């Protein structure tokens, strides 16, 4: 049995746009990916570590524990041995209380890669390969979360290229979710149910040869 850790935020947690509800496992993209991989014959388990509001390396001034760098090495230690880590973060770096741009978010991803590779895993356990997923770019935020993400659609410009550059420099696998889906048509930030399905199936094809 191979284990994949998905380290992410609300886009992978499966929040239903404009609500505080959560899609069931088989409808959110990590679950869709696991089902597709196992249907194809892989013996794999997807471990979801997806926290609403998680940034790459920054704190949330209103909620504790949203800095993705803090404790990541221990997450790797807890779940090892791992066959793959999927890093899917960045959207929350562009919340209205932050001034960050795409380059800064990509440097956050680089720091997370370093934390994963430097994790104190047990002797003989592998340093897992890393697949960085660039999230769908923010559209104009709508609904209750609009104030939280105001301006994010402008600040995230250039994110796919910035992430791809970092992945080449650090020898990580890379997937741009923008090649298969957009952000939610409902709130402009998250993923709608049909987009989870599309993304999960697409990632299964990317992940299968990495296992």
N, C-alpha and C. Protein backbone atom coordinates (compact mmCIF):
# COMPACT_ATOMS: atom_id res chain seq x y z
N UNK A 1 0.84 -1.20 0.00
CA UNK A 1 0.00 0.00 0.00
C UNK A 1 0.88 1.25 0.00
N UNK A 2 0.67 2.10 -0.97
CA UNK A 2 1.40 3.36 -1.05
C UNK A 2 0.54 4.49 -0.48
N UNK A 3 1.20 5.47 0.14
CA UNK A 3 0.50 6.56 0.77
C UNK A 3 0.87 7.89 0.12
N UNK A 4 -0.15 8.68 -0.20
CA UNK A 4 0.03 10.01 -0.76
C UNK A 4 -0.51 11.02 0.25
N UNK A 5 0.29 12.01 0.60
CA UNK A 5 -0.18 13.07 1.49
C UNK A 5 -0.56 14.29 0.65
N UNK A 6 -1.79 14.74 0.80
CA UNK A 6 -2.23 15.98 0.16
C UNK A 6 -2.20 17.07 1.23
N UNK A 7 -1.30 18.03 1.06
CA UNK A 7 -1.13 19.12 2.02
C UNK A 7 -1.69 20.37 1.38
N UNK A 8 -2.84 20.83 1.90
CA UNK A 8 -3.56 21.84 1.13
C UNK A 8 -4.46 22.68 2.04
N UNK A 9 -5.47 23.29 1.40
CA UNK A 9 -6.36 24.23 2.07
C UNK A 9 -7.82 23.89 1.75
N UNK A 10 -8.69 24.89 1.79
CA UNK A 10 -10.12 24.63 1.62
C UNK A 10 -10.49 24.15 0.22
N UNK A 11 -9.65 24.45 -0.79
CA UNK A 11 -9.93 23.98 -2.13
C UNK A 11 -9.89 22.46 -2.20
N UNK A 12 -9.07 21.85 -1.33
CA UNK A 12 -8.96 20.40 -1.27
C UNK A 12 -9.78 19.81 -0.13
N UNK A 13 -10.02 20.60 0.91
CA UNK A 13 -10.88 20.17 2.01
C UNK A 13 -12.29 19.92 1.50
N UNK A 14 -12.65 20.66 0.45
CA UNK A 14 -13.94 20.42 -0.20
C UNK A 14 -15.07 21.30 0.28
N UNK A 15 -14.73 22.52 0.68
CA UNK A 15 -15.79 23.43 1.12
C UNK A 15 -16.75 23.71 -0.05
N UNK A 16 -18.02 23.75 0.24
CA UNK A 16 -19.03 24.06 -0.76
C UNK A 16 -19.15 25.57 -0.84
N UNK A 17 -18.88 26.17 -2.00
CA UNK A 17 -18.86 27.63 -2.11
C UNK A 17 -20.11 28.30 -1.54
N UNK A 18 -19.90 29.39 -0.84
CA UNK A 18 -20.87 30.24 -0.15
C UNK A 18 -21.50 29.57 1.07
N UNK A 19 -20.99 28.40 1.48
CA UNK A 19 -21.48 27.70 2.67
C UNK A 19 -20.30 27.33 3.56
N UNK A 20 -20.59 26.71 4.69
CA UNK A 20 -19.55 26.12 5.53
C UNK A 20 -19.67 24.59 5.49
N UNK A 21 -20.31 24.08 4.47
CA UNK A 21 -20.48 22.64 4.32
C UNK A 21 -19.31 22.03 3.56
N UNK A 22 -19.19 20.71 3.66
CA UNK A 22 -18.07 20.00 3.04
C UNK A 22 -18.58 18.89 2.14
N UNK A 23 -18.00 18.81 0.95
CA UNK A 23 -18.31 17.69 0.06
C UNK A 23 -17.82 16.38 0.68
N UNK A 24 -18.50 15.27 0.43
CA UNK A 24 -18.01 13.97 0.92
C UNK A 24 -16.73 13.56 0.20
N UNK A 25 -16.02 12.61 0.80
CA UNK A 25 -14.69 12.22 0.30
C UNK A 25 -14.71 11.86 -1.17
N UNK A 26 -15.71 11.11 -1.61
CA UNK A 26 -15.70 10.65 -2.99
C UNK A 26 -16.08 11.74 -3.99
N UNK A 27 -16.39 12.94 -3.48
CA UNK A 27 -16.71 14.05 -4.38
C UNK A 27 -15.67 15.16 -4.36
N UNK A 28 -14.77 15.15 -3.39
CA UNK A 28 -13.70 16.15 -3.40
C UNK A 28 -12.48 15.56 -4.10
N UNK A 29 -11.65 16.41 -4.68
CA UNK A 29 -10.67 15.91 -5.64
C UNK A 29 -9.68 14.88 -5.07
N UNK A 30 -9.21 14.99 -3.82
CA UNK A 30 -8.32 13.92 -3.35
C UNK A 30 -9.00 12.54 -3.36
N UNK A 31 -10.28 12.51 -3.01
CA UNK A 31 -11.01 11.25 -3.04
C UNK A 31 -11.25 10.76 -4.44
N UNK A 32 -11.59 11.67 -5.34
CA UNK A 32 -11.77 11.31 -6.75
C UNK A 32 -10.47 10.72 -7.29
N UNK A 33 -9.34 11.34 -6.93
CA UNK A 33 -8.04 10.84 -7.38
C UNK A 33 -7.77 9.45 -6.84
N UNK A 34 -8.01 9.24 -5.54
CA UNK A 34 -7.77 7.92 -4.96
C UNK A 34 -8.62 6.86 -5.64
N UNK A 35 -9.89 7.15 -5.85
CA UNK A 35 -10.79 6.18 -6.48
C UNK A 35 -10.33 5.85 -7.89
N UNK A 36 -9.90 6.86 -8.65
CA UNK A 36 -9.42 6.63 -10.01
C UNK A 36 -8.16 5.78 -10.01
N UNK A 37 -7.25 6.06 -9.07
CA UNK A 37 -6.01 5.28 -9.00
C UNK A 37 -6.27 3.83 -8.60
N UNK A 38 -7.12 3.61 -7.61
CA UNK A 38 -7.40 2.25 -7.17
C UNK A 38 -8.19 1.48 -8.23
N UNK A 39 -9.08 2.16 -8.93
CA UNK A 39 -9.83 1.52 -10.01
C UNK A 39 -8.89 1.04 -11.11
N UNK A 40 -7.79 1.81 -11.30
CA UNK A 40 -6.80 1.44 -12.31
C UNK A 40 -5.83 0.38 -11.82
N UNK A 41 -5.98 -0.04 -10.57
CA UNK A 41 -5.16 -1.13 -10.07
C UNK A 41 -4.09 -0.75 -9.06
N UNK A 42 -3.94 0.52 -8.76
CA UNK A 42 -2.93 0.94 -7.80
C UNK A 42 -3.41 0.66 -6.38
N UNK A 43 -2.50 0.23 -5.53
CA UNK A 43 -2.80 0.06 -4.11
C UNK A 43 -2.34 1.33 -3.40
N UNK A 44 -3.26 2.25 -3.23
CA UNK A 44 -2.89 3.57 -2.75
C UNK A 44 -3.92 4.11 -1.78
N UNK A 45 -3.45 4.88 -0.81
CA UNK A 45 -4.31 5.58 0.14
C UNK A 45 -3.93 7.04 0.12
N UNK A 46 -4.92 7.91 -0.02
CA UNK A 46 -4.68 9.35 0.00
C UNK A 46 -4.98 9.87 1.41
N UNK A 47 -4.00 10.52 2.00
CA UNK A 47 -4.14 11.13 3.32
C UNK A 47 -4.37 12.62 3.11
N UNK A 48 -5.50 13.12 3.60
CA UNK A 48 -5.83 14.53 3.44
C UNK A 48 -5.39 15.32 4.67
N UNK A 49 -4.52 16.31 4.46
CA UNK A 49 -4.17 17.27 5.51
C UNK A 49 -4.48 18.65 4.92
N UNK A 50 -5.75 18.98 4.97
CA UNK A 50 -6.25 20.16 4.26
C UNK A 50 -6.98 21.06 5.25
N UNK A 51 -6.42 22.24 5.48
CA UNK A 51 -6.93 23.16 6.50
C UNK A 51 -7.46 24.42 5.83
N UNK A 52 -8.70 24.75 6.11
CA UNK A 52 -9.28 25.97 5.56
C UNK A 52 -8.44 27.19 5.97
N UNK A 53 -8.13 28.01 4.99
CA UNK A 53 -7.37 29.24 5.27
C UNK A 53 -5.87 29.08 5.32
N UNK A 54 -5.34 27.89 5.10
CA UNK A 54 -3.90 27.68 5.20
C UNK A 54 -3.15 28.47 4.12
N UNK A 55 -2.13 29.19 4.54
CA UNK A 55 -1.22 29.88 3.62
C UNK A 55 0.00 29.01 3.35
N UNK A 56 0.91 29.50 2.51
CA UNK A 56 2.17 28.78 2.36
C UNK A 56 3.01 28.99 3.61
N UNK A 57 3.42 30.22 3.89
CA UNK A 57 4.32 30.46 5.03
C UNK A 57 3.91 31.64 5.90
N UNK A 58 2.69 32.14 5.73
CA UNK A 58 2.27 33.32 6.49
C UNK A 58 1.17 32.99 7.49
N UNK A 59 1.12 33.80 8.53
CA UNK A 59 0.09 33.67 9.55
C UNK A 59 -1.19 34.38 9.12
N UNK A 60 -2.30 33.89 9.62
CA UNK A 60 -3.59 34.57 9.49
C UNK A 60 -3.73 35.46 10.73
N UNK A 61 -3.95 36.76 10.56
CA UNK A 61 -4.05 37.63 11.73
C UNK A 61 -5.29 37.37 12.58
N UNK A 62 -6.24 36.61 12.07
CA UNK A 62 -7.50 36.39 12.77
C UNK A 62 -7.69 34.96 13.28
N UNK A 63 -6.96 34.00 12.70
CA UNK A 63 -7.09 32.60 13.10
C UNK A 63 -5.71 31.98 13.26
N UNK A 64 -5.52 31.27 14.34
CA UNK A 64 -4.23 30.63 14.59
C UNK A 64 -4.06 29.38 13.72
N UNK A 65 -2.79 29.03 13.48
CA UNK A 65 -2.48 27.74 12.87
C UNK A 65 -2.58 27.67 11.37
N UNK A 66 -2.65 28.82 10.69
CA UNK A 66 -2.82 28.81 9.23
C UNK A 66 -1.50 28.95 8.47
N UNK A 67 -0.40 29.02 9.17
CA UNK A 67 0.91 29.08 8.51
C UNK A 67 1.32 27.66 8.12
N UNK A 68 1.38 27.39 6.83
CA UNK A 68 1.63 26.04 6.36
C UNK A 68 3.03 25.52 6.63
N UNK A 69 3.96 26.41 6.92
CA UNK A 69 5.33 25.99 7.19
C UNK A 69 5.46 25.39 8.59
N UNK A 70 4.71 25.96 9.52
CA UNK A 70 4.82 25.55 10.92
C UNK A 70 4.27 24.13 11.10
N UNK A 71 5.11 23.24 11.53
CA UNK A 71 4.69 21.87 11.80
C UNK A 71 4.68 20.94 10.60
N UNK A 72 5.04 21.45 9.41
CA UNK A 72 5.00 20.59 8.23
C UNK A 72 5.97 19.42 8.33
N UNK A 73 7.17 19.67 8.81
CA UNK A 73 8.15 18.58 8.93
C UNK A 73 7.61 17.46 9.82
N UNK A 74 6.89 17.85 10.88
CA UNK A 74 6.32 16.83 11.76
C UNK A 74 5.17 16.08 11.09
N UNK A 75 4.42 16.76 10.22
CA UNK A 75 3.37 16.07 9.45
C UNK A 75 3.99 14.98 8.59
N UNK A 76 5.12 15.28 7.97
CA UNK A 76 5.81 14.29 7.14
C UNK A 76 6.29 13.14 8.01
N UNK A 77 6.84 13.47 9.17
CA UNK A 77 7.31 12.44 10.10
C UNK A 77 6.15 11.55 10.55
N UNK A 78 5.00 12.15 10.86
CA UNK A 78 3.83 11.41 11.33
C UNK A 78 3.36 10.40 10.29
N UNK A 79 3.30 10.81 9.04
CA UNK A 79 2.66 9.99 8.01
C UNK A 79 3.63 9.12 7.21
N UNK A 80 4.92 9.24 7.46
CA UNK A 80 5.89 8.43 6.72
C UNK A 80 5.75 6.95 7.06
N UNK A 81 6.10 6.07 6.11
CA UNK A 81 6.70 6.38 4.81
C UNK A 81 5.66 6.84 3.78
N UNK A 82 6.03 7.83 3.00
CA UNK A 82 5.15 8.39 1.98
C UNK A 82 5.73 8.15 0.59
N UNK A 83 4.85 7.84 -0.36
CA UNK A 83 5.28 7.66 -1.75
C UNK A 83 5.23 8.96 -2.53
N UNK A 84 4.46 9.95 -2.02
CA UNK A 84 4.32 11.23 -2.73
C UNK A 84 3.68 12.24 -1.79
N UNK A 85 4.11 13.49 -1.89
CA UNK A 85 3.44 14.61 -1.23
C UNK A 85 2.93 15.54 -2.32
N UNK A 86 1.64 15.85 -2.26
CA UNK A 86 1.05 16.83 -3.18
C UNK A 86 0.88 18.13 -2.40
N UNK A 87 1.61 19.15 -2.81
CA UNK A 87 1.51 20.49 -2.22
C UNK A 87 0.53 21.30 -3.06
N UNK A 88 -0.57 21.70 -2.48
CA UNK A 88 -1.59 22.46 -3.22
C UNK A 88 -2.00 23.66 -2.39
N UNK A 89 -1.15 24.66 -2.37
CA UNK A 89 -1.38 25.86 -1.57
C UNK A 89 -1.11 27.11 -2.40
N UNK A 90 -1.55 28.24 -1.88
CA UNK A 90 -1.27 29.53 -2.52
C UNK A 90 -2.45 30.47 -2.55
N UNK A 91 -3.65 29.93 -2.70
CA UNK A 91 -4.84 30.78 -2.82
C UNK A 91 -4.96 31.76 -1.67
N UNK A 92 -4.75 31.29 -0.45
CA UNK A 92 -4.94 32.16 0.72
C UNK A 92 -3.82 33.16 0.91
N UNK A 93 -2.71 33.00 0.19
CA UNK A 93 -1.66 34.01 0.24
C UNK A 93 -2.16 35.35 -0.30
N UNK A 94 -3.24 35.31 -1.07
CA UNK A 94 -3.74 36.52 -1.73
C UNK A 94 -5.00 37.09 -1.07
N UNK A 95 -5.26 36.69 0.19
CA UNK A 95 -6.36 37.30 0.90
C UNK A 95 -6.12 38.80 1.07
N UNK A 96 -7.17 39.53 1.31
CA UNK A 96 -7.10 40.99 1.29
C UNK A 96 -6.15 41.58 2.33
N UNK A 97 -5.90 40.85 3.43
CA UNK A 97 -5.01 41.39 4.47
C UNK A 97 -3.54 41.21 4.13
N UNK A 98 -3.23 40.54 3.02
CA UNK A 98 -1.84 40.32 2.60
C UNK A 98 -1.51 41.10 1.33
N UNK A 99 -0.28 41.58 1.21
CA UNK A 99 0.14 42.30 0.01
C UNK A 99 0.88 41.43 -1.00
N UNK A 100 0.87 40.12 -0.81
CA UNK A 100 1.78 39.25 -1.55
C UNK A 100 1.44 39.12 -3.03
N UNK A 101 2.49 38.84 -3.81
CA UNK A 101 2.32 38.61 -5.25
C UNK A 101 2.71 37.17 -5.57
N UNK A 102 2.67 36.83 -6.86
CA UNK A 102 2.93 35.44 -7.28
C UNK A 102 4.34 34.99 -6.93
N UNK A 103 5.32 35.86 -7.12
CA UNK A 103 6.70 35.48 -6.81
C UNK A 103 6.84 35.16 -5.33
N UNK A 104 6.25 35.98 -4.47
CA UNK A 104 6.35 35.74 -3.04
C UNK A 104 5.68 34.42 -2.65
N UNK A 105 4.55 34.12 -3.25
CA UNK A 105 3.88 32.85 -2.97
C UNK A 105 4.73 31.68 -3.43
N UNK A 106 5.40 31.83 -4.57
CA UNK A 106 6.27 30.75 -5.06
C UNK A 106 7.44 30.52 -4.12
N UNK A 107 7.92 31.57 -3.47
CA UNK A 107 9.00 31.40 -2.50
C UNK A 107 8.48 30.69 -1.24
N UNK A 108 7.21 30.91 -0.93
CA UNK A 108 6.59 30.14 0.13
C UNK A 108 6.57 28.66 -0.19
N UNK A 109 6.22 28.34 -1.42
CA UNK A 109 6.24 26.94 -1.87
C UNK A 109 7.65 26.37 -1.74
N UNK A 110 8.65 27.14 -2.12
CA UNK A 110 10.03 26.67 -2.02
C UNK A 110 10.40 26.35 -0.57
N UNK A 111 9.94 27.17 0.36
CA UNK A 111 10.22 26.91 1.77
C UNK A 111 9.55 25.62 2.24
N UNK A 112 8.33 25.36 1.75
CA UNK A 112 7.63 24.13 2.12
C UNK A 112 8.35 22.90 1.56
N UNK A 113 8.85 23.01 0.35
CA UNK A 113 9.62 21.91 -0.24
C UNK A 113 10.83 21.60 0.64
N UNK A 114 11.51 22.65 1.10
CA UNK A 114 12.65 22.45 1.98
C UNK A 114 12.28 21.77 3.28
N UNK A 115 11.12 22.14 3.83
CA UNK A 115 10.66 21.53 5.08
C UNK A 115 10.36 20.04 4.89
N UNK A 116 9.75 19.70 3.76
CA UNK A 116 9.44 18.29 3.48
C UNK A 116 10.72 17.48 3.35
N UNK A 117 11.65 18.02 2.60
CA UNK A 117 12.90 17.28 2.35
C UNK A 117 13.79 17.21 3.58
N UNK A 118 13.61 18.13 4.51
CA UNK A 118 14.41 18.12 5.73
C UNK A 118 13.72 17.49 6.92
N UNK A 119 12.56 16.88 6.71
CA UNK A 119 11.80 16.31 7.82
C UNK A 119 12.57 15.16 8.48
N UNK A 120 12.47 15.06 9.79
CA UNK A 120 13.22 14.02 10.53
C UNK A 120 12.54 12.67 10.50
N UNK A 121 12.45 12.08 9.32
CA UNK A 121 11.81 10.77 9.20
C UNK A 121 12.72 9.70 9.79
N UNK A 122 12.14 8.54 10.07
CA UNK A 122 12.90 7.45 10.67
C UNK A 122 13.96 6.93 9.70
N UNK A 123 15.07 6.39 10.24
CA UNK A 123 16.14 5.88 9.38
C UNK A 123 15.61 4.86 8.37
N UNK A 124 16.02 5.00 7.14
CA UNK A 124 15.61 4.07 6.09
C UNK A 124 14.33 4.46 5.38
N UNK A 125 13.57 5.41 5.95
CA UNK A 125 12.35 5.85 5.28
C UNK A 125 12.70 6.88 4.21
N UNK A 126 11.96 6.88 3.09
CA UNK A 126 12.34 7.72 1.97
C UNK A 126 11.98 9.18 2.18
N UNK A 127 12.74 10.06 1.56
CA UNK A 127 12.32 11.45 1.38
C UNK A 127 11.36 11.44 0.20
N UNK A 128 10.10 11.77 0.42
CA UNK A 128 9.12 11.56 -0.66
C UNK A 128 9.28 12.56 -1.80
N UNK A 129 9.01 12.12 -3.02
CA UNK A 129 8.94 13.07 -4.12
C UNK A 129 7.78 14.03 -3.89
N UNK A 130 7.84 15.18 -4.53
CA UNK A 130 6.85 16.24 -4.30
C UNK A 130 6.24 16.66 -5.63
N UNK A 131 4.91 16.72 -5.63
CA UNK A 131 4.17 17.27 -6.77
C UNK A 131 3.54 18.57 -6.30
N UNK A 132 3.95 19.68 -6.89
CA UNK A 132 3.37 20.98 -6.58
C UNK A 132 2.23 21.24 -7.56
N UNK A 133 1.05 21.51 -7.01
CA UNK A 133 -0.09 21.85 -7.84
C UNK A 133 -0.38 23.34 -7.71
N UNK A 134 -0.31 24.06 -8.80
CA UNK A 134 -0.72 25.46 -8.80
C UNK A 134 -2.24 25.51 -8.79
N UNK A 135 -2.85 26.18 -7.82
CA UNK A 135 -4.31 26.22 -7.77
C UNK A 135 -4.89 27.06 -8.89
N UNK A 136 -6.17 26.87 -9.19
CA UNK A 136 -6.82 27.74 -10.17
C UNK A 136 -6.73 29.20 -9.73
N UNK A 137 -6.45 30.06 -10.68
CA UNK A 137 -6.35 31.49 -10.35
C UNK A 137 -7.67 32.02 -9.83
N UNK A 138 -7.57 32.94 -8.90
CA UNK A 138 -8.77 33.58 -8.36
C UNK A 138 -9.47 34.38 -9.45
N UNK A 139 -10.78 34.26 -9.49
CA UNK A 139 -11.60 35.15 -10.30
C UNK A 139 -12.08 36.28 -9.38
N UNK A 140 -12.97 37.11 -9.84
CA UNK A 140 -13.52 38.15 -8.98
C UNK A 140 -14.29 37.47 -7.84
N UNK A 141 -13.88 37.68 -6.58
CA UNK A 141 -14.56 36.98 -5.48
C UNK A 141 -15.99 37.48 -5.31
N UNK A 142 -16.86 36.51 -5.01
CA UNK A 142 -18.28 36.83 -4.87
C UNK A 142 -18.84 36.19 -3.60
N UNK A 143 -19.95 36.73 -3.11
CA UNK A 143 -20.62 36.14 -1.97
C UNK A 143 -20.00 36.55 -0.65
N UNK A 144 -20.25 35.77 0.40
CA UNK A 144 -19.80 36.14 1.75
C UNK A 144 -18.29 36.32 1.88
N UNK A 145 -17.50 35.61 1.07
CA UNK A 145 -16.04 35.71 1.21
C UNK A 145 -15.43 36.82 0.36
N UNK A 146 -16.24 37.58 -0.36
CA UNK A 146 -15.70 38.62 -1.24
C UNK A 146 -14.78 39.60 -0.50
N UNK A 147 -15.13 40.11 0.68
CA UNK A 147 -14.21 41.03 1.37
C UNK A 147 -12.89 40.38 1.75
N UNK A 148 -12.93 39.10 2.07
CA UNK A 148 -11.71 38.40 2.49
C UNK A 148 -10.72 38.27 1.33
N UNK A 149 -11.22 38.16 0.11
CA UNK A 149 -10.36 37.95 -1.05
C UNK A 149 -10.34 39.14 -2.01
N UNK A 150 -10.80 40.28 -1.55
CA UNK A 150 -10.82 41.46 -2.42
C UNK A 150 -9.41 41.77 -2.95
N UNK A 151 -9.30 41.92 -4.26
CA UNK A 151 -8.01 42.20 -4.88
C UNK A 151 -7.17 40.99 -5.18
N UNK A 152 -7.59 39.83 -4.70
CA UNK A 152 -6.79 38.62 -4.91
C UNK A 152 -6.64 38.23 -6.36
N UNK A 153 -7.67 38.54 -7.16
CA UNK A 153 -7.60 38.20 -8.57
C UNK A 153 -6.50 38.97 -9.29
N UNK A 154 -6.13 40.13 -8.77
CA UNK A 154 -5.04 40.90 -9.35
C UNK A 154 -3.69 40.45 -8.80
N UNK A 155 -3.64 40.19 -7.49
CA UNK A 155 -2.37 39.84 -6.86
C UNK A 155 -1.83 38.49 -7.30
N UNK A 156 -2.71 37.57 -7.70
CA UNK A 156 -2.26 36.23 -8.06
C UNK A 156 -1.78 36.12 -9.51
N UNK A 157 -1.79 37.21 -10.24
CA UNK A 157 -1.38 37.18 -11.65
C UNK A 157 0.04 36.60 -11.79
N UNK A 158 0.20 35.67 -12.72
CA UNK A 158 1.50 35.07 -12.98
C UNK A 158 1.85 33.89 -12.10
N UNK A 159 0.89 33.41 -11.30
CA UNK A 159 1.19 32.32 -10.37
C UNK A 159 1.65 31.03 -11.05
N UNK A 160 0.99 30.57 -12.13
CA UNK A 160 1.46 29.32 -12.74
C UNK A 160 2.91 29.38 -13.20
N UNK A 161 3.31 30.47 -13.79
CA UNK A 161 4.71 30.59 -14.26
C UNK A 161 5.67 30.65 -13.09
N UNK A 162 5.29 31.37 -12.03
CA UNK A 162 6.16 31.47 -10.86
C UNK A 162 6.35 30.11 -10.20
N UNK A 163 5.27 29.35 -10.07
CA UNK A 163 5.37 28.02 -9.47
C UNK A 163 6.19 27.07 -10.36
N UNK A 164 5.96 27.14 -11.65
CA UNK A 164 6.70 26.26 -12.55
C UNK A 164 8.20 26.53 -12.48
N UNK A 165 8.58 27.79 -12.38
CA UNK A 165 9.99 28.15 -12.29
C UNK A 165 10.62 27.58 -11.03
N UNK A 166 9.94 27.71 -9.90
CA UNK A 166 10.45 27.18 -8.65
C UNK A 166 10.59 25.66 -8.72
N UNK A 167 9.60 25.01 -9.32
CA UNK A 167 9.65 23.54 -9.42
C UNK A 167 10.82 23.07 -10.28
N UNK A 168 11.11 23.79 -11.34
CA UNK A 168 12.27 23.44 -12.16
C UNK A 168 13.57 23.62 -11.37
N UNK A 169 13.64 24.70 -10.63
CA UNK A 169 14.85 24.97 -9.84
C UNK A 169 15.06 23.94 -8.74
N UNK A 170 13.97 23.45 -8.17
CA UNK A 170 14.05 22.53 -7.03
C UNK A 170 13.85 21.06 -7.43
N UNK A 171 13.68 20.81 -8.71
CA UNK A 171 13.49 19.45 -9.22
C UNK A 171 12.28 18.78 -8.58
N UNK A 172 11.14 19.52 -8.61
CA UNK A 172 9.86 18.97 -8.16
C UNK A 172 8.96 18.72 -9.36
N UNK A 173 8.04 17.81 -9.20
CA UNK A 173 7.01 17.63 -10.21
C UNK A 173 6.03 18.80 -10.13
N UNK A 174 5.41 19.12 -11.25
CA UNK A 174 4.55 20.31 -11.30
C UNK A 174 3.29 20.02 -12.11
N UNK A 175 2.17 20.52 -11.61
CA UNK A 175 0.91 20.44 -12.34
C UNK A 175 0.15 21.74 -12.15
N UNK A 176 -0.30 22.30 -13.24
CA UNK A 176 -1.06 23.54 -13.22
C UNK A 176 -2.55 23.22 -13.35
N UNK A 177 -3.29 23.38 -12.26
CA UNK A 177 -4.72 23.08 -12.28
C UNK A 177 -5.48 23.95 -13.28
N UNK A 178 -4.90 25.10 -13.63
CA UNK A 178 -5.55 25.98 -14.59
C UNK A 178 -5.66 25.37 -15.98
N UNK A 179 -4.91 24.30 -16.23
CA UNK A 179 -4.98 23.64 -17.53
C UNK A 179 -6.23 22.78 -17.68
N UNK A 180 -6.91 22.51 -16.55
CA UNK A 180 -8.10 21.65 -16.62
C UNK A 180 -9.35 22.28 -16.02
N UNK A 181 -9.19 23.32 -15.20
CA UNK A 181 -10.37 23.92 -14.57
C UNK A 181 -10.10 25.37 -14.20
N UNK A 182 -11.17 26.07 -13.89
CA UNK A 182 -11.09 27.42 -13.34
C UNK A 182 -11.45 27.36 -11.87
N UNK A 183 -11.44 28.49 -11.21
CA UNK A 183 -11.99 28.55 -9.86
C UNK A 183 -13.51 28.56 -9.94
N UNK A 184 -14.14 28.45 -8.78
CA UNK A 184 -15.59 28.32 -8.70
C UNK A 184 -16.34 29.41 -9.46
N UNK A 185 -17.36 29.00 -10.17
CA UNK A 185 -18.24 29.96 -10.82
C UNK A 185 -19.16 30.63 -9.81
N UNK A 186 -19.26 30.02 -8.63
CA UNK A 186 -20.16 30.53 -7.59
C UNK A 186 -19.50 31.63 -6.76
N UNK A 187 -18.27 31.36 -6.26
CA UNK A 187 -17.63 32.37 -5.40
C UNK A 187 -16.31 32.89 -5.94
N UNK A 188 -15.81 32.33 -7.06
CA UNK A 188 -14.58 32.83 -7.67
C UNK A 188 -13.31 32.43 -6.96
N UNK A 189 -13.40 31.59 -5.93
CA UNK A 189 -12.24 31.24 -5.12
C UNK A 189 -12.04 29.73 -5.02
N UNK A 190 -13.09 29.03 -4.63
CA UNK A 190 -12.98 27.59 -4.34
C UNK A 190 -13.23 26.75 -5.60
N UNK A 191 -13.69 25.53 -5.41
CA UNK A 191 -14.00 24.63 -6.52
C UNK A 191 -15.44 24.16 -6.39
N UNK A 192 -16.16 24.16 -7.49
CA UNK A 192 -17.50 23.58 -7.52
C UNK A 192 -17.38 22.07 -7.66
N UNK A 193 -18.46 21.36 -7.40
CA UNK A 193 -18.43 19.89 -7.38
C UNK A 193 -17.93 19.31 -8.70
N UNK A 194 -18.38 19.86 -9.83
CA UNK A 194 -17.93 19.32 -11.11
C UNK A 194 -16.45 19.59 -11.34
N UNK A 195 -15.94 20.68 -10.76
CA UNK A 195 -14.52 20.99 -10.91
C UNK A 195 -13.65 20.06 -10.07
N UNK A 196 -14.14 19.66 -8.90
CA UNK A 196 -13.44 18.64 -8.10
C UNK A 196 -13.30 17.35 -8.91
N UNK A 197 -14.37 16.95 -9.57
CA UNK A 197 -14.35 15.72 -10.36
C UNK A 197 -13.33 15.81 -11.49
N UNK A 198 -13.34 16.92 -12.20
CA UNK A 198 -12.39 17.12 -13.30
C UNK A 198 -10.96 17.12 -12.80
N UNK A 199 -10.71 17.85 -11.72
CA UNK A 199 -9.35 17.96 -11.20
C UNK A 199 -8.85 16.63 -10.66
N UNK A 200 -9.68 15.91 -9.93
CA UNK A 200 -9.27 14.63 -9.37
C UNK A 200 -8.89 13.62 -10.44
N UNK A 201 -9.69 13.56 -11.49
CA UNK A 201 -9.39 12.63 -12.59
C UNK A 201 -8.11 13.03 -13.31
N UNK A 202 -7.91 14.32 -13.50
CA UNK A 202 -6.70 14.79 -14.18
C UNK A 202 -5.45 14.49 -13.33
N UNK A 203 -5.55 14.71 -12.03
CA UNK A 203 -4.40 14.45 -11.16
C UNK A 203 -4.09 12.96 -11.06
N UNK A 204 -5.08 12.12 -11.13
CA UNK A 204 -4.83 10.68 -11.12
C UNK A 204 -3.90 10.28 -12.27
N UNK A 205 -4.12 10.88 -13.43
CA UNK A 205 -3.27 10.59 -14.58
C UNK A 205 -1.85 11.10 -14.40
N UNK A 206 -1.73 12.22 -13.68
CA UNK A 206 -0.40 12.77 -13.41
C UNK A 206 0.34 11.97 -12.34
N UNK A 207 -0.41 11.55 -11.33
CA UNK A 207 0.21 10.88 -10.17
C UNK A 207 0.57 9.42 -10.48
N UNK A 208 -0.23 8.74 -11.28
CA UNK A 208 -0.02 7.30 -11.51
C UNK A 208 1.41 6.96 -11.90
N UNK A 209 2.04 7.65 -12.85
CA UNK A 209 3.42 7.29 -13.19
C UNK A 209 4.46 7.69 -12.16
N UNK A 210 4.06 8.46 -11.14
CA UNK A 210 5.01 8.88 -10.10
C UNK A 210 5.08 7.86 -8.98
N UNK A 211 4.14 6.93 -8.92
CA UNK A 211 4.10 5.97 -7.81
C UNK A 211 4.98 4.76 -8.11
